[in-house]
Amino acid sequence: MSSGAEQGFSVAIDQNEYLAEGQGTVDAVITVEAGAGIEAVDAPQQRLEILIIDTSGSMASSRKFEGARHAVLAALDALPDGTHFAIVEGTALARLVFPTDVPSLPANRDSRSAARRKLDRLRPTGGTAMGTWLGLARQLALKHPDAMVHAILLTDGKNEHEEPAALAAEIELCRGHFTCDCRGVGTDWRVEELRSIAAALHGTVDIVADPARLAADFTAMTRGSMAKSIPDLTLRVWTPVGAEVRFVKQVAPTIEDLTARRVEAGPQIGEYSLGAWGAEDRDYHVQVRVEPGAPGREKLAARVRVAAGDQVLGEGLVKATWTTDTELSTRISRRVAHYTGQAELAQAVQEGLAARKSGDLETATAKLRRAVELAAESGNEGTAKLLRGVVEVDERHGTVRLRAKVQAADEMALDARSTKTARVRKGE
């Protein structure tokens, strides 16, 4: 394991660097950890919190709108005084509810009271076009060029009033301008739609089946946003001539494939945005293909750096050494193996649920049976518990079968949280 650290950051590499003769695939888990010393890194002086609330007609039912209104007010209460905020009403169009004459206002007693009065006047009506909601959030972010911008998007329905291509295009335009956590209330929304937004904008996605629980969730998301102090970190990967980065994936605390986000930053250098950071640690799985070397030869497969802008905060080296000693070359890094299994678990869950939805019960059973096995093997108790809402597990006979009746909220919770991983810490 190799590591490097500066200004409260550490970068640690976990791998088996020994390869059998003729082999060229190098796997490594990179752990990036930010401690209290990150205060030394320049942070934005201003923050902007954008609260996007679905006010379409369907929100009028089942206490959803009242729960959403209370959630927005709870988020405002969680904002430190002086933090700028804006509230966006989302229907088939987007409208700035508060403030109305400027892009944002700082949170204080007067602005919170004025926002409450505006929310009291809102009435659910109209359709759903999330691309327009994100578009207005992007415009607000552009009016705060020096601010760290975070948004919360809440909906209860499907994106029915714009073409999927319009939403996808707006998501791309929003990349890099703000982060966005997404929540679905009730069970009439689509996990894949909100996941596409959250994944692109370095946020989270989850279901809040009971509207009464929205306020607590909004409070937690707002506090989590306020705990971030760096708008965006970058993973910078250099590889030698002839080598190729096969993939870069975040594997903890959640799985997120970053491979397609690569931005070329020089000869053999690719940069991958890691989003906003506070005092925390995350794990990344990097796979590199290198030209095989002769037995006994050692080669640098990749140099990994973590940077904030032009400031390098940590560095680690991924190495490859060829050997004819099978005892060395067949060793498996436990953390690499673990996270490979976690990625397979998430894929099995999502493919199993998709097969169930399409009526292919044989495939659904096979995929979800494999998910149960992987969750047990890896100690992912959270996913194991969610799986039991969709399948019946006979511990005695080792059989798994689909439940005849599945609550929609249970199925959506399993889907939304399928990318959460069981963590293997350094040294475990």
Protein backbone atom coordinates (compact mmCIF):
# COMPACT_ATOMS: atom_id res chain seq x y z
CA MET A 1 0.00 0.00 0.00
CA SER A 2 1.37 3.42 -0.93
CA SER A 3 0.17 6.81 0.26
CA GLY A 4 0.79 10.56 0.12
CA ALA A 5 -0.73 13.44 2.08
CA GLU A 6 -0.85 17.22 2.28
CA GLN A 7 -3.08 19.80 4.03
CA GLY A 8 -5.30 17.27 5.74
CA PHE A 9 -5.66 14.98 2.71
CA SER A 10 -4.32 11.47 2.31
CA VAL A 11 -4.27 9.19 -0.71
CA ALA A 12 -3.72 5.48 -0.06
CA ILE A 13 -3.36 2.74 -2.68
CA ASP A 14 -4.43 -0.85 -1.97
CA GLN A 15 -3.52 -3.45 -4.61
CA ASN A 16 -1.65 -6.62 -5.41
CA GLU A 17 1.05 -5.27 -7.68
CA TYR A 18 2.32 -8.73 -8.73
CA LEU A 19 1.17 -9.95 -12.14
CA ALA A 20 1.70 -13.30 -13.81
CA GLU A 21 3.87 -13.37 -16.90
CA GLY A 22 1.91 -12.06 -19.90
CA GLN A 23 -0.80 -10.37 -17.82
CA GLY A 24 -1.46 -6.63 -18.13
CA THR A 25 -4.55 -5.75 -16.04
CA VAL A 26 -3.80 -3.78 -12.87
CA ASP A 27 -6.51 -3.15 -10.26
CA ALA A 28 -6.23 -0.79 -7.30
CA VAL A 29 -8.49 0.74 -4.67
CA ILE A 30 -7.63 4.37 -4.01
CA THR A 31 -8.79 5.75 -0.66
CA VAL A 32 -9.03 9.53 -0.50
CA GLU A 33 -9.46 10.93 2.99
CA ALA A 34 -9.99 14.54 4.02
CA GLY A 35 -9.43 15.46 7.65
CA ALA A 36 -9.75 18.61 9.71
CA GLY A 37 -6.78 20.15 7.89
CA ILE A 38 -8.89 20.80 4.79
CA GLU A 39 -9.58 24.21 6.31
CA ALA A 40 -6.25 25.19 4.81
CA VAL A 41 -7.73 24.82 1.33
CA ASP A 42 -9.38 27.98 0.01
CA ALA A 43 -13.17 27.68 0.29
CA PRO A 44 -15.87 29.87 -1.29
CA GLN A 45 -16.99 32.81 0.80
CA GLN A 46 -20.62 32.45 -0.24
CA ARG A 47 -23.02 29.52 -0.34
CA LEU A 48 -26.32 29.17 -2.16
CA GLU A 49 -29.00 26.61 -1.30
CA ILE A 50 -31.71 26.08 -3.96
CA LEU A 51 -34.87 24.27 -2.84
CA ILE A 52 -36.85 22.87 -5.79
CA ILE A 53 -40.34 21.73 -4.83
CA ASP A 54 -42.73 19.88 -7.14
CA THR A 55 -46.07 21.74 -7.11
CA SER A 56 -47.79 19.71 -9.85
CA GLY A 57 -51.41 18.68 -9.37
CA SER A 58 -50.56 15.22 -8.04
CA MET A 59 -48.83 16.76 -5.01
CA ALA A 60 -52.23 17.76 -3.63
CA SER A 61 -52.99 14.18 -2.57
CA SER A 62 -51.91 12.14 0.46
CA ARG A 63 -50.47 15.03 2.48
CA LYS A 64 -47.57 15.30 0.06
CA PHE A 65 -47.67 19.04 -0.50
CA GLU A 66 -48.02 19.83 3.18
CA GLY A 67 -45.08 17.55 3.92
CA ALA A 68 -43.03 19.24 1.19
CA ARG A 69 -43.83 22.71 2.53
CA HIS A 70 -42.76 21.72 6.05
CA ALA A 71 -39.59 20.17 4.58
CA VAL A 72 -38.60 23.40 2.84
CA LEU A 73 -39.15 25.36 6.06
CA ALA A 74 -37.08 22.80 7.98
CA ALA A 75 -34.25 23.21 5.46
CA LEU A 76 -34.38 26.99 5.89
CA ASP A 77 -34.16 26.58 9.66
CA ALA A 78 -31.07 24.40 9.19
CA LEU A 79 -29.27 27.06 7.14
CA PRO A 80 -26.78 29.20 9.08
CA ASP A 81 -27.73 32.87 9.06
CA GLY A 82 -26.19 34.60 6.06
CA THR A 83 -26.41 31.59 3.75
CA HIS A 84 -28.11 32.62 0.51
CA PHE A 85 -31.15 30.64 -0.59
CA ALA A 86 -33.83 30.50 -3.26
CA ILE A 87 -37.04 28.49 -3.62
CA VAL A 88 -38.14 27.17 -7.03
CA GLU A 89 -41.67 26.00 -7.85
CA GLY A 90 -41.68 23.14 -10.35
CA THR A 91 -44.55 22.27 -12.67
CA ALA A 92 -44.50 22.06 -16.47
CA LEU A 93 -42.45 25.25 -16.07
CA ALA A 94 -40.15 26.52 -13.35
CA ARG A 95 -40.82 29.68 -11.35
CA LEU A 96 -38.78 31.46 -8.72
CA VAL A 97 -41.09 31.58 -5.71
CA PHE A 98 -38.73 33.32 -3.32
CA PRO A 99 -37.25 35.80 -3.66
CA THR A 100 -38.94 37.24 -6.74
CA ASP A 101 -36.92 40.38 -7.51
CA VAL A 102 -33.35 39.13 -6.90
CA PRO A 103 -31.70 35.71 -7.47
CA SER A 104 -31.37 34.93 -3.74
CA LEU A 105 -31.42 36.36 -0.24
CA PRO A 106 -29.37 35.57 2.87
CA ALA A 107 -31.14 33.50 5.52
CA ASN A 108 -32.27 35.47 8.56
CA ARG A 109 -35.45 35.86 10.59
CA ASP A 110 -37.06 38.25 8.12
CA SER A 111 -36.25 36.28 4.95
CA ARG A 112 -37.42 33.01 6.52
CA SER A 113 -40.73 34.61 7.53
CA ALA A 114 -41.21 36.08 4.06
CA ALA A 115 -40.46 32.72 2.47
CA ARG A 116 -43.00 31.04 4.74
CA ARG A 117 -45.68 33.47 3.59
CA LYS A 118 -44.88 32.73 -0.05
CA LEU A 119 -45.07 28.99 0.55
CA ASP A 120 -48.44 29.38 2.28
CA ARG A 121 -49.86 30.84 -0.95
CA LEU A 122 -48.70 28.00 -3.21
CA ARG A 123 -51.30 25.56 -4.54
CA PRO A 124 -50.48 22.32 -6.41
CA THR A 125 -51.49 22.48 -10.07
CA GLY A 126 -50.07 21.66 -13.48
CA GLY A 127 -47.59 19.11 -14.84
CA THR A 128 -43.99 17.96 -14.45
CA ALA A 129 -40.95 18.99 -16.52
CA MET A 130 -37.82 18.56 -14.42
CA GLY A 131 -35.48 19.85 -17.09
CA THR A 132 -37.01 23.31 -16.72
CA TRP A 133 -36.53 23.11 -12.94
CA LEU A 134 -32.86 22.28 -13.35
CA GLY A 135 -32.53 25.00 -15.98
CA LEU A 136 -33.72 27.67 -13.55
CA ALA A 137 -31.40 26.31 -10.86
CA ARG A 138 -28.52 26.55 -13.34
CA GLN A 139 -29.41 30.17 -14.12
CA LEU A 140 -29.43 30.96 -10.41
CA ALA A 141 -26.06 29.26 -9.97
CA LEU A 142 -24.60 31.31 -12.83
CA LYS A 143 -25.69 34.49 -11.05
CA HIS A 144 -23.56 33.39 -8.08
CA PRO A 145 -20.26 32.60 -9.86
CA ASP A 146 -18.18 32.60 -6.67
CA ALA A 147 -20.61 30.61 -4.54
CA MET A 148 -20.74 26.93 -3.61
CA VAL A 149 -24.19 25.89 -4.85
CA HIS A 150 -26.29 22.96 -3.66
CA ALA A 151 -29.85 22.06 -4.67
CA ILE A 152 -32.50 19.71 -3.33
CA LEU A 153 -35.05 18.50 -5.86
CA LEU A 154 -38.29 16.93 -4.64
CA THR A 155 -40.91 15.32 -6.87
CA ASP A 156 -43.74 12.84 -6.61
CA GLY A 157 -44.15 12.00 -10.28
CA LYS A 158 -42.71 11.15 -13.66
CA ASN A 159 -41.19 13.65 -16.06
CA GLU A 160 -44.26 13.62 -18.30
CA HIS A 161 -44.31 17.10 -19.82
CA GLU A 162 -41.01 17.24 -21.69
CA GLU A 163 -39.07 14.86 -23.90
CA PRO A 164 -36.46 12.64 -22.20
CA ALA A 165 -33.84 14.20 -24.49
CA ALA A 166 -34.65 17.66 -23.11
CA LEU A 167 -34.05 16.50 -19.55
CA ALA A 168 -30.82 14.72 -20.53
CA ALA A 169 -29.55 17.83 -22.33
CA GLU A 170 -30.24 20.05 -19.32
CA ILE A 171 -28.54 17.62 -16.96
CA GLU A 172 -25.40 17.91 -19.11
CA LEU A 173 -25.60 21.72 -19.03
CA CYS A 174 -25.85 21.65 -15.23
CA ARG A 175 -22.69 19.56 -14.69
CA GLY A 176 -20.14 21.50 -12.70
CA HIS A 177 -22.48 24.36 -11.77
CA PHE A 178 -24.14 22.84 -8.69
CA THR A 179 -24.64 19.60 -6.81
CA CYS A 180 -28.13 18.17 -6.45
CA ASP A 181 -29.72 15.69 -4.04
CA CYS A 182 -32.97 14.19 -5.32
CA ARG A 183 -35.89 12.80 -3.37
CA GLY A 184 -39.07 11.11 -4.49
CA VAL A 185 -42.11 11.23 -2.23
CA GLY A 186 -44.74 8.52 -2.58
CA THR A 187 -44.40 5.75 -5.18
CA ASP A 188 -45.45 7.30 -8.51
CA TRP A 189 -42.03 8.61 -9.56
CA ARG A 190 -39.22 6.83 -11.42
CA VAL A 191 -36.00 5.91 -9.67
CA GLU A 192 -34.02 5.93 -12.93
CA GLU A 193 -35.05 9.52 -13.71
CA LEU A 194 -33.92 10.92 -10.39
CA ARG A 195 -30.83 8.70 -10.41
CA SER A 196 -29.77 10.22 -13.75
CA ILE A 197 -29.92 13.70 -12.20
CA ALA A 198 -28.25 12.81 -8.91
CA ALA A 199 -25.47 10.77 -10.54
CA ALA A 200 -24.52 13.53 -12.96
CA LEU A 201 -24.63 16.25 -10.31
CA HIS A 202 -22.77 14.39 -7.54
CA GLY A 203 -25.88 14.00 -5.38
CA THR A 204 -27.93 11.27 -3.77
CA VAL A 205 -31.29 9.74 -4.61
CA ASP A 206 -33.76 8.15 -2.24
CA ILE A 207 -37.42 7.50 -1.58
CA VAL A 208 -39.39 9.13 1.22
CA ALA A 209 -42.57 7.09 1.17
CA ASP A 210 -44.16 8.95 4.09
CA PRO A 211 -44.51 12.74 3.52
CA ALA A 212 -44.25 13.28 7.28
CA ARG A 213 -40.59 12.23 7.11
CA LEU A 214 -39.59 14.80 4.49
CA ALA A 215 -38.70 17.52 7.01
CA ALA A 216 -36.12 15.35 8.77
CA ASP A 217 -34.61 14.30 5.44
CA PHE A 218 -34.39 17.89 4.15
CA THR A 219 -32.75 18.95 7.42
CA ALA A 220 -30.14 16.19 7.09
CA MET A 221 -29.40 17.03 3.44
CA THR A 222 -29.03 20.74 4.22
CA ARG A 223 -26.67 20.09 7.11
CA GLY A 224 -24.71 17.70 4.93
CA SER A 225 -24.37 20.39 2.29
CA MET A 226 -23.20 22.94 4.86
CA ALA A 227 -20.52 20.49 6.03
CA LYS A 228 -18.86 20.58 2.59
CA SER A 229 -16.07 23.11 2.27
CA ILE A 230 -14.51 22.34 -1.12
CA PRO A 231 -16.72 22.84 -4.21
CA ASP A 232 -15.00 20.20 -6.33
CA LEU A 233 -12.08 17.82 -6.03
CA THR A 234 -10.45 16.22 -9.05
CA LEU A 235 -8.87 12.80 -9.39
CA ARG A 236 -5.98 13.21 -11.84
CA VAL A 237 -4.71 9.94 -13.34
CA TRP A 238 -1.47 9.76 -15.35
CA THR A 239 -0.58 6.58 -17.22
CA PRO A 240 2.58 5.77 -19.22
CA VAL A 241 2.63 5.57 -23.00
CA GLY A 242 0.93 2.37 -24.12
CA ALA A 243 -1.24 2.09 -20.99
CA GLU A 244 -5.02 2.64 -20.88
CA VAL A 245 -7.39 3.48 -18.04
CA ARG A 246 -10.15 0.88 -18.36
CA PHE A 247 -12.42 2.44 -15.73
CA VAL A 248 -12.59 4.70 -12.70
CA LYS A 249 -15.44 4.00 -10.26
CA GLN A 250 -16.36 5.40 -6.90
CA VAL A 251 -17.07 2.29 -4.82
CA ALA A 252 -17.72 3.70 -1.34
CA PRO A 253 -19.86 4.99 0.22
CA THR A 254 -21.84 4.44 -2.98
CA ILE A 255 -21.06 3.07 -6.45
CA GLU A 256 -20.77 5.62 -9.23
CA ASP A 257 -19.03 5.00 -12.54
CA LEU A 258 -16.88 8.04 -13.34
CA THR A 259 -15.23 6.62 -16.47
CA ALA A 260 -17.26 8.61 -19.00
CA ARG A 261 -16.56 11.86 -17.16
CA ARG A 262 -12.88 11.80 -18.07
CA VAL A 263 -11.52 15.12 -19.26
CA GLU A 264 -8.19 15.07 -21.07
CA ALA A 265 -5.74 17.27 -19.18
CA GLY A 266 -2.43 16.64 -20.95
CA PRO A 267 -0.40 13.79 -22.43
CA GLN A 268 -1.60 10.55 -20.82
CA ILE A 269 -3.49 12.52 -18.13
CA GLY A 270 -7.21 12.25 -17.45
CA GLU A 271 -9.18 14.17 -14.83
CA TYR A 272 -12.32 12.93 -13.07
CA SER A 273 -14.54 15.27 -11.06
CA LEU A 274 -15.25 14.00 -7.52
CA GLY A 275 -17.78 16.67 -6.50
CA ALA A 276 -17.95 18.69 -3.30
CA TRP A 277 -16.09 17.52 -0.20
CA GLY A 278 -16.03 18.00 3.53
CA ALA A 279 -14.17 16.01 6.19
CA GLU A 280 -14.82 12.50 4.85
CA ASP A 281 -13.29 9.58 2.98
CA ARG A 282 -14.26 7.77 -0.20
CA ASP A 283 -12.92 4.76 -2.10
CA TYR A 284 -12.30 4.50 -5.85
CA HIS A 285 -11.57 1.44 -7.97
CA VAL A 286 -9.19 2.15 -10.84
CA GLN A 287 -8.33 -0.46 -13.47
CA VAL A 288 -5.42 0.12 -15.87
CA ARG A 289 -4.29 -1.98 -18.81
CA VAL A 290 -0.51 -1.91 -19.32
CA GLU A 291 1.87 -3.63 -21.70
CA PRO A 292 3.12 -6.83 -20.00
CA GLY A 293 6.74 -6.84 -18.86
CA ALA A 294 9.36 -9.51 -18.38
CA PRO A 295 9.49 -11.41 -15.07
CA GLY A 296 11.21 -9.34 -12.40
CA ARG A 297 10.43 -6.02 -14.07
CA GLU A 298 8.60 -3.31 -12.11
CA LYS A 299 6.60 -0.64 -13.90
CA LEU A 300 4.60 2.40 -12.79
CA ALA A 301 1.08 1.71 -14.04
CA ALA A 302 -0.48 5.00 -12.90
CA ARG A 303 0.16 8.08 -10.83
CA VAL A 304 -2.96 9.25 -9.02
CA ARG A 305 -3.28 12.78 -7.68
CA VAL A 306 -6.11 14.56 -5.88
CA ALA A 307 -6.37 18.26 -6.63
CA ALA A 308 -8.51 21.28 -5.84
CA GLY A 309 -8.07 23.48 -8.88
CA ASP A 310 -4.31 23.68 -9.49
CA GLN A 311 -3.46 22.71 -5.92
CA VAL A 312 -2.34 19.07 -5.53
CA LEU A 313 -3.46 17.75 -2.14
CA GLY A 314 -2.32 14.13 -2.26
CA GLU A 315 -0.68 11.54 -4.48
CA GLY A 316 -0.37 7.77 -4.77
CA LEU A 317 1.36 5.33 -7.13
CA VAL A 318 -0.14 2.23 -8.77
CA LYS A 319 2.61 -0.28 -9.62
CA ALA A 320 2.96 -3.49 -11.57
CA THR A 321 5.64 -6.15 -11.03
CA TRP A 322 5.78 -9.31 -13.14
CA THR A 323 6.68 -12.62 -11.57
CA THR A 324 6.72 -16.34 -12.25
CA ASP A 325 5.88 -16.99 -8.58
CA THR A 326 2.23 -18.05 -8.64
CA GLU A 327 1.91 -17.56 -4.88
CA LEU A 328 2.58 -13.85 -5.41
CA SER A 329 0.62 -13.35 -8.63
CA THR A 330 -2.54 -15.11 -7.40
CA ARG A 331 -2.90 -13.07 -4.22
CA ILE A 332 -6.08 -11.03 -4.28
CA SER A 333 -6.37 -7.63 -2.67
CA ARG A 334 -9.27 -8.11 -0.28
CA ARG A 335 -10.55 -4.59 -0.86
CA VAL A 336 -10.40 -4.90 -4.66
CA ALA A 337 -12.27 -8.22 -4.46
CA HIS A 338 -14.83 -6.80 -2.03
CA TYR A 339 -15.71 -3.78 -4.14
CA THR A 340 -15.83 -5.84 -7.31
CA GLY A 341 -18.49 -7.90 -5.54
CA GLN A 342 -20.36 -4.79 -4.41
CA ALA A 343 -20.53 -3.55 -8.01
CA GLU A 344 -21.88 -6.94 -9.08
CA LEU A 345 -24.43 -6.76 -6.24
CA ALA A 346 -25.78 -3.39 -7.38
CA GLN A 347 -25.98 -4.60 -10.98
CA ALA A 348 -27.76 -7.81 -9.96
CA VAL A 349 -30.35 -5.86 -7.96
CA GLN A 350 -31.09 -3.38 -10.74
CA GLU A 351 -31.22 -6.03 -13.49
CA GLY A 352 -33.39 -8.27 -11.31
CA LEU A 353 -35.90 -5.51 -10.60
CA ALA A 354 -35.98 -4.52 -14.28
CA ALA A 355 -36.66 -8.14 -15.27
CA ARG A 356 -39.42 -8.42 -12.68
CA LYS A 357 -41.03 -5.25 -13.99
CA SER A 358 -40.94 -6.58 -17.57
CA GLY A 359 -42.50 -9.89 -16.54
CA ASP A 360 -39.36 -12.02 -16.99
CA LEU A 361 -39.73 -13.80 -13.66
CA GLU A 362 -37.08 -16.45 -14.39
CA THR A 363 -34.35 -13.85 -14.95
CA ALA A 364 -35.62 -11.77 -12.03
CA THR A 365 -35.38 -14.75 -9.69
CA ALA A 366 -31.88 -15.67 -10.86
CA LYS A 367 -30.55 -12.11 -10.56
CA LEU A 368 -32.10 -11.46 -7.16
CA ARG A 369 -30.94 -14.86 -5.87
CA ARG A 370 -27.40 -13.85 -6.84
CA ALA A 371 -27.94 -10.49 -5.11
CA VAL A 372 -28.94 -12.28 -1.89
CA GLU A 373 -25.77 -14.39 -2.06
CA LEU A 374 -23.52 -11.38 -2.68
CA ALA A 375 -25.12 -9.31 0.07
CA ALA A 376 -24.55 -12.16 2.55
CA GLU A 377 -20.96 -12.80 1.44
CA SER A 378 -19.97 -9.13 1.68
CA GLY A 379 -21.81 -8.30 4.88
CA ASN A 380 -23.99 -5.69 3.18
CA GLU A 381 -26.76 -5.91 5.76
CA GLY A 382 -28.60 -2.85 4.43
CA THR A 383 -29.14 -4.34 0.98
CA ALA A 384 -29.83 -7.78 2.46
CA LYS A 385 -32.67 -6.33 4.54
CA LEU A 386 -34.14 -4.45 1.56
CA LEU A 387 -33.99 -7.60 -0.59
CA ARG A 388 -36.26 -9.40 1.85
CA GLY A 389 -39.03 -7.01 0.94
CA VAL A 390 -38.93 -8.34 -2.63
CA VAL A 391 -37.89 -12.00 -2.22
CA GLU A 392 -38.49 -14.79 0.28
CA VAL A 393 -35.33 -16.46 1.55
CA ASP A 394 -35.50 -19.98 2.97
CA GLU A 395 -32.38 -20.19 5.13
CA ARG A 396 -32.87 -23.89 5.82
CA HIS A 397 -33.00 -25.01 2.20
CA GLY A 398 -31.05 -22.10 0.72
CA THR A 399 -33.79 -21.15 -1.74
CA VAL A 400 -34.83 -17.71 -2.93
CA ARG A 401 -38.13 -16.92 -4.64
CA LEU A 402 -39.97 -13.78 -5.64
CA ARG A 403 -42.69 -12.58 -3.31
CA ALA A 404 -46.16 -12.83 -4.81
CA LYS A 405 -47.03 -9.37 -3.52
CA VAL A 406 -44.45 -6.61 -3.21
CA GLN A 407 -45.05 -3.16 -1.78
CA ALA A 408 -44.10 -0.51 -4.35
CA ALA A 409 -42.22 1.47 -1.69
CA ASP A 410 -40.12 -1.61 -0.79
CA GLU A 411 -39.19 -2.23 -4.41
CA MET A 412 -38.29 1.42 -5.02
CA ALA A 413 -36.24 1.63 -1.83
CA LEU A 414 -34.21 -1.41 -2.92
CA ASP A 415 -33.64 0.13 -6.35
CA ALA A 416 -32.74 3.61 -5.05
CA ARG A 417 -30.35 2.29 -2.39
CA SER A 418 -28.82 -0.52 -4.47
CA THR A 419 -25.60 1.46 -4.98
CA LYS A 420 -24.87 1.84 -1.25
CA THR A 421 -21.92 -0.35 -0.38
CA ALA A 422 -20.65 -2.15 2.69
CA ARG A 423 -17.36 -0.45 3.54
CA VAL A 424 -14.01 -2.20 3.94
CA ARG A 425 -11.65 0.17 5.73
CA LYS A 426 -7.90 0.28 5.26
CA GLY A 427 -6.23 -2.51 7.17
CA GLU A 428 -9.40 -4.56 7.68
